[in-house]
PDB file of N, CA and C in Angstrom:
ATOM      1  N   MET A   1     107.864  93.001 112.938  1.00  0.00           N
ATOM      2  CA  MET A   1     107.180  94.242 112.605  1.00  0.00           C
ATOM      3  C   MET A   1     105.926  93.907 111.803  1.00  0.00           C
ATOM      4  N   LYS A   2     104.893  94.648 112.070  1.00  0.00           N
ATOM      5  CA  LYS A   2     103.623  94.425 111.384  1.00  0.00           C
ATOM      6  C   LYS A   2     103.672  95.012 109.975  1.00  0.00           C
ATOM      7  N   TRP A   3     103.082  94.319 109.029  1.00  0.00           N
ATOM      8  CA  TRP A   3     103.099  94.814 107.651  1.00  0.00           C
ATOM      9  C   TRP A   3     102.269  96.082 107.508  1.00  0.00           C
ATOM     10  N   GLU A   4     101.255  96.256 108.363  1.00  0.00           N
ATOM     11  CA  GLU A   4     100.433  97.467 108.292  1.00  0.00           C
ATOM     12  C   GLU A   4     101.270  98.701 108.611  1.00  0.00           C
ATOM     13  N   SER A   5     102.158  98.572 109.563  1.00  0.00           N
ATOM     14  CA  SER A   5     102.982  99.720 109.938  1.00  0.00           C
ATOM     15  C   SER A   5     103.962 100.074 108.827  1.00  0.00           C
ATOM     16  N   VAL A   6     104.476  99.076 108.133  1.00  0.00           N
ATOM     17  CA  VAL A   6     105.383  99.341 107.019  1.00  0.00           C
ATOM     18  C   VAL A   6     104.643 100.068 105.898  1.00  0.00           C
ATOM     19  N   VAL A   7     103.432  99.609 105.593  1.00  0.00           N
ATOM     20  CA  VAL A   7     102.636 100.246 104.531  1.00  0.00           C
ATOM     21  C   VAL A   7     102.303 101.687 104.908  1.00  0.00           C
ATOM     22  N   LEU A   8     101.902 101.916 106.148  1.00  0.00           N
ATOM     23  CA  LEU A   8     101.585 103.277 106.582  1.00  0.00           C
ATOM     24  C   LEU A   8     102.805 104.188 106.518  1.00  0.00           C
ATOM     25  N   CYS A   9     103.946 103.687 106.962  1.00  0.00           N
ATOM     26  CA  CYS A   9     105.163 104.499 106.923  1.00  0.00           C
ATOM     27  C   CYS A   9     105.563 104.835 105.489  1.00  0.00           C
ATOM     28  N   LEU A  10     105.515 103.856 104.601  1.00  0.00           N
ATOM     29  CA  LEU A  10     105.879 104.112 103.203  1.00  0.00           C
ATOM     30  C   LEU A  10     104.904 105.061 102.527  1.00  0.00           C
ATOM     31  N   ALA A  11     103.611 104.890 102.789  1.00  0.00           N
ATOM     32  CA  ALA A  11     102.615 105.798 102.219  1.00  0.00           C
ATOM     33  C   ALA A  11     102.811 107.212 102.750  1.00  0.00           C
ATOM     34  N   GLY A  12     103.126 107.322 104.031  1.00  0.00           N
ATOM     35  CA  GLY A  12     103.382 108.632 104.614  1.00  0.00           C
ATOM     36  C   GLY A  12     104.598 109.308 104.019  1.00  0.00           C
ATOM     37  N   LEU A  13     105.671 108.552 103.849  1.00  0.00           N
ATOM     38  CA  LEU A  13     106.872 109.126 103.237  1.00  0.00           C
ATOM     39  C   LEU A  13     106.617 109.557 101.796  1.00  0.00           C
ATOM     40  N   PHE A  14     105.856 108.744 101.065  1.00  0.00           N
ATOM     41  CA  PHE A  14     105.537 109.077  99.677  1.00  0.00           C
ATOM     42  C   PHE A  14     104.688 110.345  99.589  1.00  0.00           C
ATOM     43  N   ALA A  15     103.668 110.454 100.431  1.00  0.00           N
ATOM     44  CA  ALA A  15     102.793 111.628 100.407  1.00  0.00           C
ATOM     45  C   ALA A  15     103.556 112.883 100.838  1.00  0.00           C
ATOM     46  N   ALA A  16     104.378 112.762 101.871  1.00  0.00           N
ATOM     47  CA  ALA A  16     105.137 113.920 102.341  1.00  0.00           C
ATOM     48  C   ALA A  16     106.153 114.368 101.290  1.00  0.00           C
ATOM     49  N   ALA A  17     106.827 113.426 100.665  1.00  0.00           N
ATOM     50  CA  ALA A  17     107.807 113.784  99.637  1.00  0.00           C
ATOM     51  C   ALA A  17     107.118 114.367  98.410  1.00  0.00           C
ATOM     52  N   GLY A  18     105.982 113.792  98.016  1.00  0.00           N
ATOM     53  CA  GLY A  18     105.250 114.324  96.869  1.00  0.00           C
ATOM     54  C   GLY A  18     104.794 115.751  97.094  1.00  0.00           C
ATOM     55  N   GLY A  19     104.368 116.048  98.317  1.00  0.00           N
ATOM     56  CA  GLY A  19     103.962 117.411  98.631  1.00  0.00           C
ATOM     57  C   GLY A  19     105.145 118.346  98.782  1.00  0.00           C
ATOM     58  N   ALA A  20     106.187 117.892  99.434  1.00  0.00           N
ATOM     59  CA  ALA A  20     107.346 118.755  99.686  1.00  0.00           C
ATOM     60  C   ALA A  20     108.088 119.113  98.404  1.00  0.00           C
ATOM     61  N   PHE A  21     108.245 118.141  97.517  1.00  0.00           N
ATOM     62  CA  PHE A  21     108.994 118.389  96.281  1.00  0.00           C
ATOM     63  C   PHE A  21     108.097 118.822  95.128  1.00  0.00           C
ATOM     64  N   GLY A  22     106.779 118.762  95.334  1.00  0.00           N
ATOM     65  CA  GLY A  22     105.844 119.196  94.304  1.00  0.00           C
ATOM     66  C   GLY A  22     105.954 118.384  93.027  1.00  0.00           C
ATOM     67  N   TRP A  23     106.092 117.069  93.168  1.00  0.00           N
ATOM     68  CA  TRP A  23     106.220 116.222  91.994  1.00  0.00           C
ATOM     69  C   TRP A  23     105.021 116.426  91.076  1.00  0.00           C
ATOM     70  N   GLY A  24     105.287 116.611  89.791  1.00  0.00           N
ATOM     71  CA  GLY A  24     104.235 116.873  88.830  1.00  0.00           C
ATOM     72  C   GLY A  24     103.214 115.758  88.737  1.00  0.00           C
ATOM     73  N   PHE A  25     103.694 114.515  88.648  1.00  0.00           N
ATOM     74  CA  PHE A  25     102.760 113.391  88.535  1.00  0.00           C
ATOM     75  C   PHE A  25     101.908 113.257  89.790  1.00  0.00           C
ATOM     76  N   PHE A  26     102.432 113.714  90.908  1.00  0.00           N
ATOM     77  CA  PHE A  26     101.709 113.603  92.177  1.00  0.00           C
ATOM     78  C   PHE A  26     100.675 114.720  92.310  1.00  0.00           C
ATOM     79  N   MET A  27     101.095 115.951  92.071  1.00  0.00           N
ATOM     80  CA  MET A  27     100.208 117.100  92.255  1.00  0.00           C
ATOM     81  C   MET A  27      99.213 117.272  91.117  1.00  0.00           C
ATOM     82  N   ASN A  28      99.492 116.691  89.967  1.00  0.00           N
ATOM     83  CA  ASN A  28      98.570 116.809  88.831  1.00  0.00           C
ATOM     84  C   ASN A  28      97.614 115.630  88.707  1.00  0.00           C
ATOM     85  N   SER A  29      97.672 114.705  89.661  1.00  0.00           N
ATOM     86  CA  SER A  29      96.762 113.559  89.606  1.00  0.00           C
ATOM     87  C   SER A  29      95.327 114.031  89.849  1.00  0.00           C
ATOM     88  N   ARG A  30      94.395 113.232  89.405  1.00  0.00           N
ATOM     89  CA  ARG A  30      92.981 113.598  89.518  1.00  0.00           C
ATOM     90  C   ARG A  30      92.575 113.807  90.973  1.00  0.00           C
ATOM     91  N   ARG A  31      93.043 112.947  91.867  1.00  0.00           N
ATOM     92  CA  ARG A  31      92.666 113.068  93.282  1.00  0.00           C
ATOM     93  C   ARG A  31      93.310 114.279  93.942  1.00  0.00           C
ATOM     94  N   ALA A  32      94.524 114.596  93.559  1.00  0.00           N
ATOM     95  CA  ALA A  32      95.191 115.758  94.153  1.00  0.00           C
ATOM     96  C   ALA A  32      94.557 117.061  93.674  1.00  0.00           C
ATOM     97  N   GLN A  33      93.964 117.054  92.493  1.00  0.00           N
ATOM     98  CA  GLN A  33      93.364 118.271  91.959  1.00  0.00           C
ATOM     99  C   GLN A  33      92.207 118.756  92.818  1.00  0.00           C
ATOM    100  N   ILE A  34      91.562 117.854  93.532  1.00  0.00           N
ATOM    101  CA  ILE A  34      90.493 118.265  94.455  1.00  0.00           C
ATOM    102  C   ILE A  34      91.060 119.213  95.505  1.00  0.00           C
ATOM    103  N   PHE A  35      92.210 118.843  96.080  1.00  0.00           N
ATOM    104  CA  PHE A  35      92.813 119.663  97.116  1.00  0.00           C
ATOM    105  C   PHE A  35      93.475 120.909  96.539  1.00  0.00           C
ATOM    106  N   VAL A  36      93.950 120.837  95.301  1.00  0.00           N
ATOM    107  CA  VAL A  36      94.508 122.027  94.660  1.00  0.00           C
ATOM    108  C   VAL A  36      93.406 123.055  94.454  1.00  0.00           C
ATOM    109  N   ARG A  37      92.211 122.604  94.052  1.00  0.00           N
ATOM    110  CA  ARG A  37      91.092 123.533  93.885  1.00  0.00           C
ATOM    111  C   ARG A  37      90.643 124.112  95.221  1.00  0.00           C
ATOM    112  N   LEU A  38      90.671 123.295  96.280  1.00  0.00           N
ATOM    113  CA  LEU A  38      90.232 123.760  97.593  1.00  0.00           C
ATOM    114  C   LEU A  38      91.230 124.717  98.252  1.00  0.00           C
ATOM    115  N   PHE A  39      92.516 124.344  98.234  1.00  0.00           N
ATOM    116  CA  PHE A  39      93.528 125.077  99.004  1.00  0.00           C
ATOM    117  C   PHE A  39      94.514 125.862  98.163  1.00  0.00           C
ATOM    118  N   GLY A  40      94.474 125.720  96.853  1.00  0.00           N
ATOM    119  CA  GLY A  40      95.510 126.304  96.014  1.00  0.00           C
ATOM    120  C   GLY A  40      96.686 125.344  95.946  1.00  0.00           C
ATOM    121  N   HIS A  41      97.624 125.619  95.039  1.00  0.00           N
ATOM    122  CA  HIS A  41      98.747 124.699  94.841  1.00  0.00           C
ATOM    123  C   HIS A  41      99.628 124.607  96.086  1.00  0.00           C
ATOM    124  N   THR A  42      99.975 125.747  96.657  1.00  0.00           N
ATOM    125  CA  THR A  42     100.839 125.747  97.842  1.00  0.00           C
ATOM    126  C   THR A  42     100.128 125.129  99.034  1.00  0.00           C
ATOM    127  N   GLY A  43      98.855 125.417  99.209  1.00  0.00           N
ATOM    128  CA  GLY A  43      98.097 124.833 100.306  1.00  0.00           C
ATOM    129  C   GLY A  43      97.948 123.328 100.174  1.00  0.00           C
ATOM    130  N   ALA A  44      97.767 122.850  98.947  1.00  0.00           N
ATOM    131  CA  ALA A  44      97.658 121.411  98.720  1.00  0.00           C
ATOM    132  C   ALA A  44      98.981 120.723  99.018  1.00  0.00           C
ATOM    133  N   ARG A  45     100.079 121.366  98.661  1.00  0.00           N
ATOM    134  CA  ARG A  45     101.395 120.786  98.986  1.00  0.00           C
ATOM    135  C   ARG A  45     101.560 120.682 100.494  1.00  0.00           C
ATOM    136  N   GLY A  46     101.181 121.717 101.222  1.00  0.00           N
ATOM    137  CA  GLY A  46     101.258 121.675 102.678  1.00  0.00           C
ATOM    138  C   GLY A  46     100.346 120.622 103.265  1.00  0.00           C
ATOM    139  N   PHE A  47      99.165 120.478 102.690  1.00  0.00           N
ATOM    140  CA  PHE A  47      98.230 119.448 103.140  1.00  0.00           C
ATOM    141  C   PHE A  47      98.833 118.061 102.985  1.00  0.00           C
ATOM    142  N   TYR A  48      99.465 117.799 101.845  1.00  0.00           N
ATOM    143  CA  TYR A  48     100.038 116.477 101.618  1.00  0.00           C
ATOM    144  C   TYR A  48     101.246 116.214 102.510  1.00  0.00           C
ATOM    145  N   VAL A  49     102.016 117.234 102.811  1.00  0.00           N
ATOM    146  CA  VAL A  49     103.118 117.053 103.760  1.00  0.00           C
ATOM    147  C   VAL A  49     102.549 116.710 105.133  1.00  0.00           C
ATOM    148  N   PHE A  50     101.529 117.448 105.554  1.00  0.00           N
ATOM    149  CA  PHE A  50     100.892 117.190 106.848  1.00  0.00           C
ATOM    150  C   PHE A  50     100.285 115.788 106.891  1.00  0.00           C
ATOM    151  N   LEU A  51      99.571 115.413 105.836  1.00  0.00           N
ATOM    152  CA  LEU A  51      98.973 114.086 105.759  1.00  0.00           C
ATOM    153  C   LEU A  51     100.042 112.998 105.791  1.00  0.00           C
ATOM    154  N   GLY A  52     101.135 113.225 105.080  1.00  0.00           N
ATOM    155  CA  GLY A  52     102.218 112.250 105.070  1.00  0.00           C
ATOM    156  C   GLY A  52     102.851 112.064 106.430  1.00  0.00           C
ATOM    157  N   VAL A  53     103.035 113.154 107.148  1.00  0.00           N
ATOM    158  CA  VAL A  53     103.597 113.053 108.501  1.00  0.00           C
ATOM    159  C   VAL A  53     102.643 112.295 109.405  1.00  0.00           C
ATOM    160  N   LEU A  54     101.342 112.569 109.298  1.00  0.00           N
ATOM    161  CA  LEU A  54     100.365 111.837 110.108  1.00  0.00           C
ATOM    162  C   LEU A  54     100.367 110.342 109.792  1.00  0.00           C
ATOM    163  N   LEU A  55     100.434 109.996 108.522  1.00  0.00           N
ATOM    164  CA  LEU A  55     100.471 108.584 108.141  1.00  0.00           C
ATOM    165  C   LEU A  55     101.742 107.911 108.653  1.00  0.00           C
ATOM    166  N   PHE A  56     102.859 108.609 108.539  1.00  0.00           N
ATOM    167  CA  PHE A  56     104.118 108.051 109.028  1.00  0.00           C
ATOM    168  C   PHE A  56     104.061 107.821 110.535  1.00  0.00           C
ATOM    169  N   LEU A  57     103.543 108.805 111.262  1.00  0.00           N
ATOM    170  CA  LEU A  57     103.434 108.649 112.707  1.00  0.00           C
ATOM    171  C   LEU A  57     102.462 107.537 113.090  1.00  0.00           C
ATOM    172  N   ALA A  58     101.395 107.375 112.315  1.00  0.00           N
ATOM    173  CA  ALA A  58     100.475 106.269 112.568  1.00  0.00           C
ATOM    174  C   ALA A  58     101.171 104.932 112.344  1.00  0.00           C
ATOM    175  N   GLY A  59     102.034 104.859 111.347  1.00  0.00           N
ATOM    176  CA  GLY A  59     102.799 103.641 111.113  1.00  0.00           C
ATOM    177  C   GLY A  59     103.763 103.344 112.238  1.00  0.00           C
ATOM    178  N   VAL A  60     104.422 104.372 112.736  1.00  0.00           N
ATOM    179  CA  VAL A  60     105.332 104.185 113.865  1.00  0.00           C
ATOM    180  C   VAL A  60     104.541 103.753 115.092  1.00  0.00           C
ATOM    181  N   TRP A  61     103.394 104.368 115.309  1.00  0.00           N
ATOM    182  CA  TRP A  61     102.560 104.018 116.466  1.00  0.00           C
ATOM    183  C   TRP A  61     102.127 102.552 116.408  1.00  0.00           C
ATOM    184  N   THR A  62     101.714 102.096 115.225  1.00  0.00           N
ATOM    185  CA  THR A  62     101.296 100.703 115.118  1.00  0.00           C
ATOM    186  C   THR A  62     102.477  99.749 115.279  1.00  0.00           C
ATOM    187  N   ALA A  63     103.667 100.200 114.921  1.00  0.00           N
ATOM    188  CA  ALA A  63     104.844  99.342 115.051  1.00  0.00           C
ATOM    189  C   ALA A  63     105.253  99.172 116.512  1.00  0.00           C
ATOM    190  N   ILE A  64     105.105 100.241 117.310  1.00  0.00           N
ATOM    191  CA  ILE A  64     105.574 100.163 118.688  1.00  0.00           C
ATOM    192  C   ILE A  64     104.483  99.766 119.667  1.00  0.00           C
ATOM    193  N   SER A  65     103.228  99.796 119.223  1.00  0.00           N
ATOM    194  CA  SER A  65     102.143  99.427 120.126  1.00  0.00           C
ATOM    195  C   SER A  65     102.120  97.918 120.310  1.00  0.00           C
ATOM    196  N   GLY A  66     101.480  97.501 121.354  1.00  0.00           N
ATOM    197  CA  GLY A  66     101.392  96.087 121.669  1.00  0.00           C
ATOM    198  C   GLY A  66     100.584  95.328 120.646  1.00  0.00           C
ATOM    199  N   PRO A  67     100.591  94.027 120.750  1.00  0.00           N
ATOM    200  CA  PRO A  67      99.820  93.227 119.790  1.00  0.00           C
ATOM    201  C   PRO A  67      98.334  93.473 119.937  1.00  0.00           C
ATOM    202  N   ALA A  68      97.672  93.495 118.817  1.00  0.00           N
ATOM    203  CA  ALA A  68      96.220  93.723 118.830  1.00  0.00           C
ATOM    204  C   ALA A  68      95.530  92.444 119.279  1.00  0.00           C
ATOM    205  N   THR A  69      94.508  92.625 120.062  1.00  0.00           N
ATOM    206  CA  THR A  69      93.737  91.466 120.495  1.00  0.00           C
ATOM    207  C   THR A  69      92.675  91.188 119.457  1.00  0.00           C
ATOM    208  N   ARG A  70      92.645  89.964 118.992  1.00  0.00           N
ATOM    209  CA  ARG A  70      91.674  89.581 117.979  1.00  0.00           C
ATOM    210  C   ARG A  70      90.775  88.508 118.548  1.00  0.00           C
ATOM    211  N   PRO A  71      89.493  88.602 118.275  1.00  0.00           N
ATOM    212  CA  PRO A  71      88.561  87.592 118.811  1.00  0.00           C
ATOM    213  C   PRO A  71      88.750  86.237 118.182  1.00  0.00           C
TER     214      PRO A  71
END
C-alpha cells in the first residue's frame, strides 16, 4: 500500500470526525474559523465532513489505482 493513500485516508477520517462531532479544538482552530465565518458553525461542520469524505475517497482511489509511472 502506498503511504500517500494512508495519509489521505487518515486525514479524511480526522476531518470528517472533527466536523461530525464538532470537536472544540478542531472547530475553534484559526483555519477552521475562516469557514465558520463563511458558512456558519453548522455549515462549516458540514463542509469538513464533506471534505473528509473526499479525502478518504481520494486515499482509497490512490490505494486501488495502478502504479504511477515516473520518469
